[in-house]
Amino acid sequence: MIMNSTPTSSLGVRKGSWTEEEDFLLRKCIN
């Protein structure tokens, strides 16, 4: 998945890390 795109997101996700929710949402957008 997308990694290190931004230091932090609006949701406060640590840089280089995605929560399972973020990963799920990204997969939905891609698929």
N, C-alpha and C. Protein backbone atom coordinates (compact mmCIF):
# COMPACT_ATOMS: atom_id res chain seq x y z
N MET A 1 0.84 -1.20 0.00
CA MET A 1 0.00 0.00 0.00
C MET A 1 0.87 1.25 0.00
N ILE A 2 0.21 2.38 0.04
CA ILE A 2 0.93 3.66 0.03
C ILE A 2 1.68 3.85 1.35
N MET A 3 2.96 4.16 1.28
CA MET A 3 3.75 4.36 2.49
C MET A 3 4.56 5.64 2.39
N ASN A 4 4.73 6.32 3.51
CA ASN A 4 5.55 7.53 3.58
C ASN A 4 5.11 8.60 2.58
N SER A 5 3.83 8.63 2.27
CA SER A 5 3.36 9.66 1.35
C SER A 5 3.36 11.02 2.04
N THR A 6 3.07 11.00 3.36
CA THR A 6 3.07 12.23 4.15
C THR A 6 3.53 11.90 5.56
N PRO A 7 4.19 12.83 6.23
CA PRO A 7 4.64 12.61 7.62
C PRO A 7 3.48 12.20 8.51
N THR A 8 2.36 12.88 8.39
CA THR A 8 1.18 12.54 9.17
C THR A 8 -0.07 12.84 8.36
N SER A 9 -1.13 12.11 8.63
CA SER A 9 -2.38 12.37 7.93
C SER A 9 -3.30 13.16 8.84
N SER A 10 -4.43 13.56 8.32
CA SER A 10 -5.39 14.34 9.11
C SER A 10 -5.91 13.51 10.29
N LEU A 11 -5.77 12.19 10.17
CA LEU A 11 -6.24 11.30 11.23
C LEU A 11 -5.15 11.05 12.27
N GLY A 12 -3.96 11.60 12.01
CA GLY A 12 -2.88 11.46 12.97
C GLY A 12 -2.17 10.12 12.88
N VAL A 13 -2.17 9.53 11.69
CA VAL A 13 -1.47 8.26 11.51
C VAL A 13 0.04 8.50 11.47
N ARG A 14 0.77 7.69 12.21
CA ARG A 14 2.23 7.87 12.25
C ARG A 14 2.83 7.64 10.86
N LYS A 15 3.89 8.40 10.56
CA LYS A 15 4.50 8.33 9.23
C LYS A 15 4.95 6.90 8.92
N GLY A 16 4.67 6.48 7.70
CA GLY A 16 5.06 5.15 7.26
C GLY A 16 4.18 4.06 7.82
N SER A 17 3.12 4.45 8.53
CA SER A 17 2.24 3.45 9.12
C SER A 17 0.78 3.75 8.78
N TRP A 18 0.05 2.72 8.47
CA TRP A 18 -1.38 2.87 8.18
C TRP A 18 -2.16 1.97 9.13
N THR A 19 -3.28 2.47 9.61
CA THR A 19 -4.13 1.64 10.45
C THR A 19 -4.87 0.65 9.56
N GLU A 20 -5.46 -0.37 10.14
CA GLU A 20 -6.21 -1.34 9.35
C GLU A 20 -7.37 -0.66 8.65
N GLU A 21 -7.96 0.34 9.32
CA GLU A 21 -9.07 1.07 8.70
C GLU A 21 -8.60 1.82 7.47
N GLU A 22 -7.47 2.51 7.60
CA GLU A 22 -6.91 3.25 6.46
C GLU A 22 -6.64 2.31 5.30
N ASP A 23 -6.02 1.17 5.60
CA ASP A 23 -5.69 0.20 4.57
C ASP A 23 -6.96 -0.30 3.88
N PHE A 24 -7.99 -0.57 4.70
CA PHE A 24 -9.26 -1.05 4.16
C PHE A 24 -9.90 -0.02 3.24
N LEU A 25 -9.91 1.24 3.70
CA LEU A 25 -10.51 2.31 2.90
C LEU A 25 -9.75 2.51 1.60
N LEU A 26 -8.42 2.44 1.66
CA LEU A 26 -7.61 2.62 0.47
C LEU A 26 -7.88 1.50 -0.53
N ARG A 27 -8.02 0.28 -0.02
CA ARG A 27 -8.30 -0.86 -0.90
C ARG A 27 -9.66 -0.67 -1.58
N LYS A 28 -10.64 -0.15 -0.83
CA LYS A 28 -11.96 0.08 -1.40
C LYS A 28 -11.88 1.10 -2.52
N CYS A 29 -11.07 2.14 -2.32
CA CYS A 29 -10.93 3.19 -3.34
C CYS A 29 -10.26 2.63 -4.60
N ILE A 30 -9.26 1.79 -4.42
CA ILE A 30 -8.52 1.23 -5.54
C ILE A 30 -9.37 0.20 -6.28
N ASN A 31 -10.07 -0.64 -5.52
CA ASN A 31 -10.89 -1.70 -6.13
C ASN A 31 -12.29 -1.28 -6.38
